[in-house]
């Protein structure tokens, strides 16, 4: 965590970046009405994943999105991948580049992983008219 940022600063920065990458509607749908069980996780992710790590100057948002696509593909996290495909598109990653990322997944993570991520991407592209 950045030493010069308070918890409320991180939360505000995280909310801002998350909305820039994923869009207001998606953020609102995932953070609306948190309950006592999931509220701490939502707060943690907003502050530290989005407010601290995503705001670091070492990588731009586009590069972070490319990394996320590869990591989520390797981990087999289709729901998060769906969300981050949309975020990658918002961050300037093209459909053709996403195809290349997923071909790289095929080589390093195997055909089953690649088949899954191509399927998820095609669904997102169709849903969003990409």
Protein backbone atom coordinates (compact mmCIF):
# COMPACT_ATOMS: atom_id res chain seq x y z
CA UNK A 1 0.00 0.00 0.00
CA UNK A 2 1.19 3.50 -0.76
CA UNK A 3 2.25 5.07 2.53
CA UNK A 4 1.01 8.54 1.63
CA UNK A 5 -2.60 7.54 0.93
CA UNK A 6 -5.29 7.16 3.59
CA UNK A 7 -7.90 4.44 3.51
CA UNK A 8 -10.56 6.86 2.28
CA UNK A 9 -8.16 8.20 -0.40
CA UNK A 10 -7.55 4.65 -1.62
CA UNK A 11 -11.26 3.90 -1.67
CA UNK A 12 -12.03 7.07 -3.68
CA UNK A 13 -9.15 6.44 -6.11
CA UNK A 14 -10.16 2.79 -6.44
CA UNK A 15 -13.76 3.65 -7.20
CA UNK A 16 -12.65 6.18 -9.82
CA UNK A 17 -10.28 3.79 -11.60
CA UNK A 18 -12.69 0.86 -11.39
CA UNK A 19 -15.40 2.99 -13.02
CA UNK A 20 -12.99 4.17 -15.75
CA UNK A 21 -12.06 0.59 -16.59
CA UNK A 22 -15.34 -1.25 -16.10
CA UNK A 23 -17.98 1.46 -16.45
CA UNK A 24 -20.49 2.81 -13.96
CA UNK A 25 -23.21 0.24 -14.65
CA UNK A 26 -20.92 -2.73 -14.03
CA UNK A 27 -19.43 -1.24 -10.88
CA UNK A 28 -22.86 -0.31 -9.55
CA UNK A 29 -24.17 -3.82 -10.21
CA UNK A 30 -21.31 -5.46 -8.32
CA UNK A 31 -21.17 -3.04 -5.40
CA UNK A 32 -24.88 -2.30 -4.92
CA UNK A 33 -26.26 -3.34 -1.55
CA UNK A 34 -23.26 -5.08 -0.06
CA UNK A 35 -24.21 -7.20 2.91
CA UNK A 36 -22.31 -7.80 6.11
CA UNK A 37 -20.67 -10.86 4.55
CA UNK A 38 -19.28 -9.40 1.30
CA UNK A 39 -18.88 -5.71 2.24
CA UNK A 40 -15.36 -6.19 3.64
CA UNK A 41 -14.23 -7.92 0.42
CA UNK A 42 -15.71 -5.19 -1.79
CA UNK A 43 -14.01 -2.54 0.34
CA UNK A 44 -10.67 -4.40 0.27
CA UNK A 45 -10.72 -4.85 -3.51
CA UNK A 46 -11.76 -1.24 -4.12
CA UNK A 47 -8.97 0.12 -1.92
CA UNK A 48 -6.08 -2.18 -2.68
CA UNK A 49 -6.64 -3.79 -6.08
CA UNK A 50 -8.12 -0.71 -7.75
CA UNK A 51 -6.99 2.18 -5.52
CA UNK A 52 -3.43 1.12 -4.83
CA UNK A 53 -2.22 -1.35 -7.47
CA UNK A 54 -4.16 -0.08 -10.52
CA UNK A 55 -3.11 3.50 -9.72
CA UNK A 56 0.63 2.75 -9.61
CA UNK A 57 2.65 4.54 -12.30
CA UNK A 58 4.71 1.51 -13.41
CA UNK A 59 2.17 0.17 -15.92
CA UNK A 60 -0.62 1.83 -17.82
CA UNK A 61 -4.20 0.54 -17.66
CA UNK A 62 -3.91 -1.09 -21.08
CA UNK A 63 -0.90 -3.15 -19.97
CA UNK A 64 -2.64 -4.12 -16.72
CA UNK A 65 -5.66 -5.27 -18.73
CA UNK A 66 -3.49 -7.43 -20.98
CA UNK A 67 -1.91 -9.03 -17.92
CA UNK A 68 -5.32 -9.65 -16.36
CA UNK A 69 -6.59 -11.39 -19.49
CA UNK A 70 -3.64 -13.77 -19.43
CA UNK A 71 -3.80 -14.46 -15.71
CA UNK A 72 -7.57 -14.96 -15.58
CA UNK A 73 -7.34 -17.24 -18.61
CA UNK A 74 -4.64 -19.34 -16.95
CA UNK A 75 -6.65 -19.53 -13.74
CA UNK A 76 -9.87 -20.49 -15.54
CA UNK A 77 -11.87 -17.63 -14.03
CA UNK A 78 -14.49 -17.16 -16.77
CA UNK A 79 -16.76 -14.74 -14.87
CA UNK A 80 -13.91 -12.37 -14.02
CA UNK A 81 -12.48 -12.82 -17.51
CA UNK A 82 -15.78 -11.68 -19.01
CA UNK A 83 -15.61 -8.51 -16.93
CA UNK A 84 -11.96 -7.87 -17.77
CA UNK A 85 -12.44 -8.42 -21.51
CA UNK A 86 -14.84 -5.50 -21.37
CA UNK A 87 -12.36 -3.53 -19.28
CA UNK A 88 -9.56 -4.30 -21.74
CA UNK A 89 -11.68 -2.99 -24.60
CA UNK A 90 -12.30 0.21 -22.58
CA UNK A 91 -8.54 0.48 -22.05
CA UNK A 92 -7.80 0.34 -25.77
CA UNK A 93 -7.02 -3.34 -26.25
CA UNK A 94 -8.45 -4.34 -29.62
CA UNK A 95 -10.42 -7.45 -30.50
CA UNK A 96 -7.47 -8.57 -32.64
CA UNK A 97 -5.06 -8.13 -29.72
CA UNK A 98 -7.40 -10.12 -27.46
CA UNK A 99 -7.31 -12.89 -30.06
CA UNK A 100 -3.49 -12.83 -29.96
CA UNK A 101 -3.47 -12.87 -26.16
CA UNK A 102 -5.70 -15.93 -26.17
CA UNK A 103 -3.54 -17.67 -28.79
CA UNK A 104 -0.64 -17.13 -26.39
CA UNK A 105 -2.81 -18.71 -23.69
CA UNK A 106 -3.27 -21.73 -25.96
CA UNK A 107 0.48 -22.26 -26.18
CA UNK A 108 1.29 -21.79 -22.50
CA UNK A 109 -1.92 -22.95 -20.76
CA UNK A 110 -3.23 -25.54 -23.19
CA UNK A 111 -6.11 -26.09 -25.55
CA UNK A 112 -8.85 -26.49 -22.89
CA UNK A 113 -8.03 -23.08 -21.42
CA UNK A 114 -7.88 -21.49 -24.88
CA UNK A 115 -11.17 -23.03 -25.98
CA UNK A 116 -12.84 -21.64 -22.87
CA UNK A 117 -11.44 -18.12 -23.21
CA UNK A 118 -12.23 -17.89 -26.90
CA UNK A 119 -15.80 -18.96 -26.10
CA UNK A 120 -16.12 -16.33 -23.36
CA UNK A 121 -14.65 -13.63 -25.61
CA UNK A 122 -17.01 -14.47 -28.46
CA UNK A 123 -19.97 -14.21 -26.07
CA UNK A 124 -18.79 -10.82 -24.81
CA UNK A 125 -18.16 -9.54 -28.35
CA UNK A 126 -21.63 -10.65 -29.42
CA UNK A 127 -23.35 -9.20 -26.33
CA UNK A 128 -21.53 -5.87 -26.72
CA UNK A 129 -21.59 -5.65 -30.51
CA UNK A 130 -17.79 -5.73 -30.86
